[in-house]
Structures are given as C-alpha cells and as structure tokens.
C-alpha cells in the first residue's frame, strides 16, 4: 500500500481537484483523514493483532460486521436514518457472526496412507 501511494502521488493533481479539496469544510477534510487512517492504518493493525491471537477463519468472520457497524456509527454521529430493512439486515449479520463464532471447531480427519 505504501508503494502504491508513493507511485500515485505524482498523479493526484491531475485526477483530483486541489482547489475543491482546499475549499471544502474542515469537517470534510477531517472525514477524509479519518477514513484514510481508520481503514488503512488502524483496521490493518487490528486485523494483524487479531490474527496473532485467533485463527484466521475466526477473524475473517468479523469482516461481516463492517456494514452493520458503519450504519450504526452513521446513525449515531451523522443522524442518518435507520430503516427497518437495515436494522433487520444488521441483526441477521450479528446473529450470523455469533453463530459462526460459537460453532464448535472440528479437527480435520487424519488420512493414513499405506505405504
């Protein structure tokens, strides 16, 4: 990601509109920084930490929580509307994550080959 960022930086002025970025509100600029830091830095640090403590199959399930948590945070901090469909979908995601996390882990069968 670091290499890709460095390679793309020289192209940024041609793709982005710097004047529009600088004219945006402080909240908009803070939002861009927040999204960049949280999804690129903090999320990967948490993911790496979780992988050091829990098997990858268990950690991967938690990526399903991202849409539900995003909707909840948008409702809490941005005043976005929560519709019943969104609430139902979020509840189903939470139930699915809970079911997969509480399922017993079975060991893979051992195959013995004669030889």
C-alpha atoms as a PDB file:
ATOM      1  CA  UNK A   1       0.000   0.000   0.000  1.00  0.00           C
ATOM      2  CA  UNK A   2       2.863   2.329   0.751  1.00  0.00           C
ATOM      3  CA  UNK A   3       4.470   1.746  -2.638  1.00  0.00           C
ATOM      4  CA  UNK A   4       1.130   2.261  -4.413  1.00  0.00           C
ATOM      5  CA  UNK A   5       0.580   5.522  -2.524  1.00  0.00           C
ATOM      6  CA  UNK A   6       4.021   6.828  -3.452  1.00  0.00           C
ATOM      7  CA  UNK A   7       3.510   5.868  -7.098  1.00  0.00           C
ATOM      8  CA  UNK A   8       0.098   7.541  -7.252  1.00  0.00           C
ATOM      9  CA  UNK A   9       1.017  10.809  -5.522  1.00  0.00           C
ATOM     10  CA  UNK A  10       2.501  12.454  -8.653  1.00  0.00           C
ATOM     11  CA  UNK A  11      -0.776  11.765 -10.495  1.00  0.00           C
ATOM     12  CA  UNK A  12      -3.029  13.168  -7.777  1.00  0.00           C
ATOM     13  CA  UNK A  13      -3.085  16.792  -9.041  1.00  0.00           C
ATOM     14  CA  UNK A  14      -4.278  15.586 -12.447  1.00  0.00           C
ATOM     15  CA  UNK A  15      -7.063  13.400 -11.067  1.00  0.00           C
ATOM     16  CA  UNK A  16      -8.188  15.370  -8.043  1.00  0.00           C
ATOM     17  CA  UNK A  17      -9.302  18.942  -7.971  1.00  0.00           C
ATOM     18  CA  UNK A  18      -6.973  20.504  -5.384  1.00  0.00           C
ATOM     19  CA  UNK A  19      -8.897  23.781  -5.357  1.00  0.00           C
ATOM     20  CA  UNK A  20     -12.113  21.962  -4.472  1.00  0.00           C
ATOM     21  CA  UNK A  21     -10.319  19.990  -1.752  1.00  0.00           C
ATOM     22  CA  UNK A  22      -8.839  23.122  -0.160  1.00  0.00           C
ATOM     23  CA  UNK A  23     -12.196  24.900  -0.389  1.00  0.00           C
ATOM     24  CA  UNK A  24     -14.002  22.082   1.432  1.00  0.00           C
ATOM     25  CA  UNK A  25     -15.040  22.413   5.053  1.00  0.00           C
ATOM     26  CA  UNK A  26     -12.875  21.350   7.962  1.00  0.00           C
ATOM     27  CA  UNK A  27     -15.357  18.550   8.663  1.00  0.00           C
ATOM     28  CA  UNK A  28     -14.946  17.230   5.105  1.00  0.00           C
ATOM     29  CA  UNK A  29     -11.157  17.304   5.395  1.00  0.00           C
ATOM     30  CA  UNK A  30     -11.301  15.593   8.791  1.00  0.00           C
ATOM     31  CA  UNK A  31     -13.580  12.939   7.313  1.00  0.00           C
ATOM     32  CA  UNK A  32     -11.086  12.193   4.550  1.00  0.00           C
ATOM     33  CA  UNK A  33      -8.256  11.856   7.059  1.00  0.00           C
ATOM     34  CA  UNK A  34     -10.427   9.713   9.347  1.00  0.00           C
ATOM     35  CA  UNK A  35     -11.401   7.322   6.567  1.00  0.00           C
ATOM     36  CA  UNK A  36      -7.820   7.067   5.377  1.00  0.00           C
ATOM     37  CA  UNK A  37      -6.374   6.418   8.812  1.00  0.00           C
ATOM     38  CA  UNK A  38      -9.104   4.140  10.134  1.00  0.00           C
ATOM     39  CA  UNK A  39      -9.461   1.921   7.078  1.00  0.00           C
ATOM     40  CA  UNK A  40      -5.807   1.772   6.113  1.00  0.00           C
ATOM     41  CA  UNK A  41      -3.839   2.003   9.328  1.00  0.00           C
ATOM     42  CA  UNK A  42      -5.985   1.160  12.338  1.00  0.00           C
ATOM     43  CA  UNK A  43      -8.002  -1.573  10.612  1.00  0.00           C
ATOM     44  CA  UNK A  44      -4.882  -3.409   9.444  1.00  0.00           C
ATOM     45  CA  UNK A  45      -3.232  -3.091  12.844  1.00  0.00           C
ATOM     46  CA  UNK A  46      -6.335  -4.562  14.496  1.00  0.00           C
ATOM     47  CA  UNK A  47      -6.524  -7.278  11.847  1.00  0.00           C
ATOM     48  CA  UNK A  48      -2.870  -8.234  12.376  1.00  0.00           C
ATOM     49  CA  UNK A  49      -3.301  -8.254  16.142  1.00  0.00           C
ATOM     50  CA  UNK A  50      -6.415 -10.418  15.880  1.00  0.00           C
ATOM     51  CA  UNK A  51      -4.599 -12.867  13.590  1.00  0.00           C
ATOM     52  CA  UNK A  52      -1.866 -13.244  16.207  1.00  0.00           C
ATOM     53  CA  UNK A  53      -4.464 -14.265  18.820  1.00  0.00           C
ATOM     54  CA  UNK A  54      -7.205 -16.126  16.924  1.00  0.00           C
ATOM     55  CA  UNK A  55      -7.256 -18.470  13.887  1.00  0.00           C
ATOM     56  CA  UNK A  56      -7.750 -16.736  10.527  1.00  0.00           C
ATOM     57  CA  UNK A  57     -11.079 -18.478   9.957  1.00  0.00           C
ATOM     58  CA  UNK A  58     -12.490 -16.809  13.065  1.00  0.00           C
ATOM     59  CA  UNK A  59     -11.012 -13.388  12.294  1.00  0.00           C
ATOM     60  CA  UNK A  60     -12.423 -13.371   8.755  1.00  0.00           C
ATOM     61  CA  UNK A  61     -15.985 -13.674  10.052  1.00  0.00           C
ATOM     62  CA  UNK A  62     -15.723 -10.268  11.727  1.00  0.00           C
ATOM     63  CA  UNK A  63     -15.377  -8.507   8.359  1.00  0.00           C
ATOM     64  CA  UNK A  64     -19.117  -9.167   8.012  1.00  0.00           C
ATOM     65  CA  UNK A  65     -19.710  -6.726  10.864  1.00  0.00           C
ATOM     66  CA  UNK A  66     -18.350  -3.758   8.893  1.00  0.00           C
ATOM     67  CA  UNK A  67     -21.623  -2.743   7.145  1.00  0.00           C
ATOM     68  CA  UNK A  68     -23.663  -3.066  10.348  1.00  0.00           C
ATOM     69  CA  UNK A  69     -21.171  -1.060  12.394  1.00  0.00           C
ATOM     70  CA  UNK A  70     -20.918   1.572   9.642  1.00  0.00           C
ATOM     71  CA  UNK A  71     -24.694   2.028   9.589  1.00  0.00           C
ATOM     72  CA  UNK A  72     -24.808   2.274  13.371  1.00  0.00           C
ATOM     73  CA  UNK A  73     -21.997   4.855  13.510  1.00  0.00           C
ATOM     74  CA  UNK A  74     -23.630   6.887  10.715  1.00  0.00           C
ATOM     75  CA  UNK A  75     -26.865   6.884  12.694  1.00  0.00           C
ATOM     76  CA  UNK A  76     -25.168   7.880  15.940  1.00  0.00           C
ATOM     77  CA  UNK A  77     -22.813  10.555  14.633  1.00  0.00           C
ATOM     78  CA  UNK A  78     -24.321  11.781  11.377  1.00  0.00           C
ATOM     79  CA  UNK A  79     -28.018  11.486  12.067  1.00  0.00           C
ATOM     80  CA  UNK A  80     -28.583   9.065   9.178  1.00  0.00           C
ATOM     81  CA  UNK A  81     -31.916   7.286   9.110  1.00  0.00           C
ATOM     82  CA  UNK A  82     -32.119   3.638  10.106  1.00  0.00           C
ATOM     83  CA  UNK A  83     -34.843   1.856   8.162  1.00  0.00           C
ATOM     84  CA  UNK A  84     -36.356  -1.443   9.256  1.00  0.00           C
ATOM     85  CA  UNK A  85     -34.643  -3.251   6.354  1.00  0.00           C
ATOM     86  CA  UNK A  86     -31.261  -2.002   7.508  1.00  0.00           C
ATOM     87  CA  UNK A  87     -31.986  -2.943  11.116  1.00  0.00           C
ATOM     88  CA  UNK A  88     -33.127  -6.413  10.045  1.00  0.00           C
ATOM     89  CA  UNK A  89     -30.028  -6.903   7.891  1.00  0.00           C
ATOM     90  CA  UNK A  90     -27.781  -5.748  10.725  1.00  0.00           C
ATOM     91  CA  UNK A  91     -29.497  -8.103  13.158  1.00  0.00           C
ATOM     92  CA  UNK A  92     -29.071 -11.006  10.731  1.00  0.00           C
ATOM     93  CA  UNK A  93     -25.370 -10.188  10.356  1.00  0.00           C
ATOM     94  CA  UNK A  94     -24.931 -10.097  14.141  1.00  0.00           C
ATOM     95  CA  UNK A  95     -26.741 -13.431  14.524  1.00  0.00           C
ATOM     96  CA  UNK A  96     -24.639 -14.958  11.739  1.00  0.00           C
ATOM     97  CA  UNK A  97     -21.388 -13.788  13.290  1.00  0.00           C
ATOM     98  CA  UNK A  98     -22.479 -15.062  16.689  1.00  0.00           C
ATOM     99  CA  UNK A  99     -23.455 -18.457  15.265  1.00  0.00           C
ATOM    100  CA  UNK A 100     -20.177 -18.885  13.431  1.00  0.00           C
ATOM    101  CA  UNK A 101     -18.141 -17.796  16.438  1.00  0.00           C
ATOM    102  CA  UNK A 102     -19.915 -20.158  18.802  1.00  0.00           C
ATOM    103  CA  UNK A 103     -19.829 -23.177  16.470  1.00  0.00           C
ATOM    104  CA  UNK A 104     -17.535 -25.936  17.682  1.00  0.00           C
ATOM    105  CA  UNK A 105     -14.326 -26.306  15.715  1.00  0.00           C
ATOM    106  CA  UNK A 106     -13.856 -29.822  14.389  1.00  0.00           C
ATOM    107  CA  UNK A 107     -10.425 -31.207  13.705  1.00  0.00           C
ATOM    108  CA  UNK A 108      -9.745 -32.243  10.148  1.00  0.00           C
ATOM    109  CA  UNK A 109      -9.873 -36.006   9.625  1.00  0.00           C
ATOM    110  CA  UNK A 110      -6.489 -37.694   9.554  1.00  0.00           C
ATOM    111  CA  UNK A 111      -5.849 -39.694   6.408  1.00  0.00           C
ATOM    112  CA  UNK A 112      -3.366 -42.521   6.791  1.00  0.00           C
ATOM    113  CA  UNK A 113      -1.879 -43.832   3.578  1.00  0.00           C
ATOM    114  CA  UNK A 114      -0.354 -47.221   3.357  1.00  0.00           C
ATOM    115  CA  UNK A 115       2.926 -47.202   2.003  1.00  0.00           C
END
